[in-house]
Protein backbone atom coordinates (compact mmCIF):
# COMPACT_ATOMS: atom_id res chain seq x y z
CA MET A 1 6.19 0.68 -18.10
CA TYR A 2 2.57 1.73 -18.23
CA PRO A 3 1.72 5.14 -19.73
CA GLU A 4 1.05 7.91 -17.22
CA GLU A 5 -2.31 8.66 -18.87
CA LEU A 6 -3.47 5.18 -17.88
CA CYS A 7 -2.12 5.36 -14.33
CA ALA A 8 -3.02 8.95 -13.41
CA PRO A 9 -6.62 8.18 -12.34
CA MET A 10 -5.40 5.19 -10.29
CA ARG A 11 -2.85 7.41 -8.56
CA GLU A 12 -5.38 10.17 -7.96
CA GLU A 13 -7.81 7.74 -6.38
CA LEU A 14 -5.26 7.17 -3.59
CA THR A 15 -3.80 10.67 -3.24
CA THR A 16 -7.32 12.10 -2.96
CA ALA A 17 -7.82 9.71 -0.03
CA GLY A 18 -4.68 11.07 1.67
CA PHE A 19 -2.01 8.61 0.48
CA ILE A 20 1.52 9.95 0.01
CA GLU A 21 2.99 8.99 -3.35
CA LEU A 22 6.56 7.74 -3.29
CA LYS A 23 8.02 7.92 -6.80
CA THR A 24 11.79 7.67 -6.22
CA GLU A 25 14.20 5.54 -4.22
CA ASP A 26 15.17 8.58 -2.14
CA GLU A 27 11.54 9.33 -1.29
CA VAL A 28 11.12 5.72 -0.16
CA ASP A 29 14.28 5.75 1.95
CA ASN A 30 13.32 9.08 3.54
CA PHE A 31 9.82 7.80 4.27
CA PHE A 32 11.17 4.67 5.94
CA GLN A 33 13.21 6.82 8.35
CA LYS A 34 9.97 7.29 10.33
CA LYS A 35 10.47 5.01 13.34
CA ASP A 36 8.05 5.73 16.20
CA VAL A 37 4.96 5.59 13.99
CA THR A 38 2.73 3.19 12.12
CA PHE A 39 2.34 3.41 8.36
CA LEU A 40 0.79 1.47 5.54
CA ILE A 41 2.46 1.00 2.16
CA PHE A 42 0.29 -0.03 -0.77
CA ILE A 43 1.95 -1.32 -3.94
CA ASN A 44 -0.54 -0.18 -6.56
CA SER A 45 -1.10 -1.96 -9.87
CA VAL A 46 -3.16 -1.69 -13.05
CA CYS A 47 -4.59 -5.21 -12.61
CA GLY A 48 -8.25 -5.95 -12.01
CA CYS A 49 -7.78 -7.07 -8.41
CA ALA A 50 -6.15 -3.71 -7.60
CA ALA A 51 -9.07 -1.84 -9.15
CA GLY A 52 -11.83 -4.09 -7.85
CA SER A 53 -10.76 -4.81 -4.30
CA ALA A 54 -7.30 -3.59 -3.23
CA ARG A 55 -7.59 0.16 -3.91
CA PRO A 56 -11.20 0.43 -2.73
CA GLY A 57 -10.38 -1.71 0.31
CA VAL A 58 -7.35 0.30 1.43
CA ILE A 59 -9.21 3.56 0.88
CA GLU A 60 -12.18 2.34 2.89
CA SER A 61 -9.81 1.21 5.65
CA THR A 62 -8.73 4.84 6.18
CA PHE A 63 -12.10 5.42 7.88
CA ASN A 64 -11.38 2.94 10.70
CA ASN A 65 -11.27 4.58 14.15
CA LEU A 66 -7.73 3.31 14.73
CA LYS A 67 -5.43 3.66 11.76
CA PRO A 68 -1.79 4.17 10.82
CA ASP A 69 -0.17 7.56 11.20
CA TYR A 70 0.64 7.59 7.46
CA PHE A 71 -0.61 5.97 4.26
CA ALA A 72 1.77 5.76 1.30
CA THR A 73 1.85 4.15 -2.14
CA VAL A 74 4.17 3.22 -4.98
CA PHE A 75 3.02 2.16 -8.44
CA ALA A 76 4.37 -1.14 -9.76
CA GLY A 77 4.95 -1.05 -13.48
CA GLN A 78 5.58 2.67 -13.43
CA ASP A 79 7.66 3.79 -10.42
CA LYS A 80 10.11 0.94 -10.96
CA GLU A 81 12.98 2.03 -8.69
CA ALA A 82 10.67 3.19 -5.88
CA THR A 83 8.74 -0.08 -6.04
CA GLN A 84 11.94 -2.13 -5.92
CA LYS A 85 13.14 -0.15 -2.90
CA VAL A 86 9.83 -0.67 -1.05
CA ARG A 87 10.06 -4.40 -1.81
CA GLU A 88 13.48 -4.48 -0.13
CA TYR A 89 11.85 -3.16 3.04
CA MET A 90 9.10 -5.79 2.70
CA ALA A 91 11.53 -8.73 2.84
CA PRO A 92 11.14 -11.64 3.44
CA TYR A 93 7.82 -11.38 1.58
CA PRO A 94 8.15 -12.06 -2.16
CA PRO A 95 7.36 -9.33 -4.72
CA SER A 96 3.63 -9.05 -5.18
CA SER A 97 1.51 -6.49 -7.02
CA PRO A 98 -0.75 -5.35 -5.61
CA SER A 99 0.25 -5.86 -2.00
CA ILE A 100 -0.26 -4.06 1.29
CA ALA A 101 2.12 -3.82 4.24
CA LEU A 102 1.62 -2.32 7.69
CA PHE A 103 4.74 -1.17 9.53
CA LYS A 104 5.09 -0.27 13.19
CA ASN A 105 8.29 1.28 14.55
CA GLY A 106 10.05 0.44 11.29
CA GLU A 107 9.10 -3.26 11.36
CA ILE A 108 6.59 -5.01 9.14
CA VAL A 109 3.73 -6.31 11.31
CA HIS A 110 1.05 -7.24 8.74
CA PHE A 111 1.21 -8.13 5.06
CA ILE A 112 -1.41 -8.88 2.41
CA GLU A 113 -0.14 -10.55 -0.76
CA ARG A 114 -1.77 -10.55 -4.18
CA HIS A 115 -3.12 -14.09 -3.74
CA GLN A 116 -5.01 -12.83 -0.65
CA ILE A 117 -6.49 -9.98 -2.69
CA GLU A 118 -7.49 -11.86 -5.86
CA GLY A 119 -11.05 -13.10 -5.72
CA ASN A 120 -11.90 -11.14 -2.56
CA LEU A 121 -14.26 -8.22 -2.37
CA LYS A 122 -13.17 -4.81 -1.09
CA HIS A 123 -14.92 -5.27 2.26
CA VAL A 124 -12.76 -8.35 2.95
CA ILE A 125 -9.61 -6.25 2.40
CA THR A 126 -11.05 -3.45 4.54
CA GLN A 127 -11.89 -5.86 7.36
CA ASN A 128 -8.46 -7.50 7.20
CA LEU A 129 -6.75 -4.11 7.45
CA SER A 130 -9.11 -2.76 10.11
CA GLU A 131 -8.33 -5.76 12.32
CA ALA A 132 -4.61 -5.13 11.86
CA TYR A 133 -5.04 -1.42 12.67
CA ASN A 134 -6.99 -2.28 15.80
CA LYS A 135 -4.16 -4.56 16.90
CA TYR A 136 -1.11 -2.44 15.97
CA CYS A 137 -2.21 1.22 15.85
């Protein structure tokens, strides 16, 4: 588990941009009860690819004309139970931190794994998500 002092600025970066933090299994289950909507779930991480491209990319994607109804996040390495619960909803995709999933009507319709984030710049993540929003939102 990472210390909260280390993670707090990484959390705030997302919540300031309008992301809903899910910290418990119950919060995750309640969030996933939303059915006639689109939402993005971002599994946050302390790694360099989360800081350099994933977080900035998902935040920048919130400015797309079409976008999900909700943006949410869990923090891998800190919100252990919430992250595990989100990963259950992301099946059949393997656990990946960071990762980004777009859901429509309760079904996963777009997924970005860590290997698609590593080595890419934030604008690549933003473009990938914007194209998904334009298709599904």
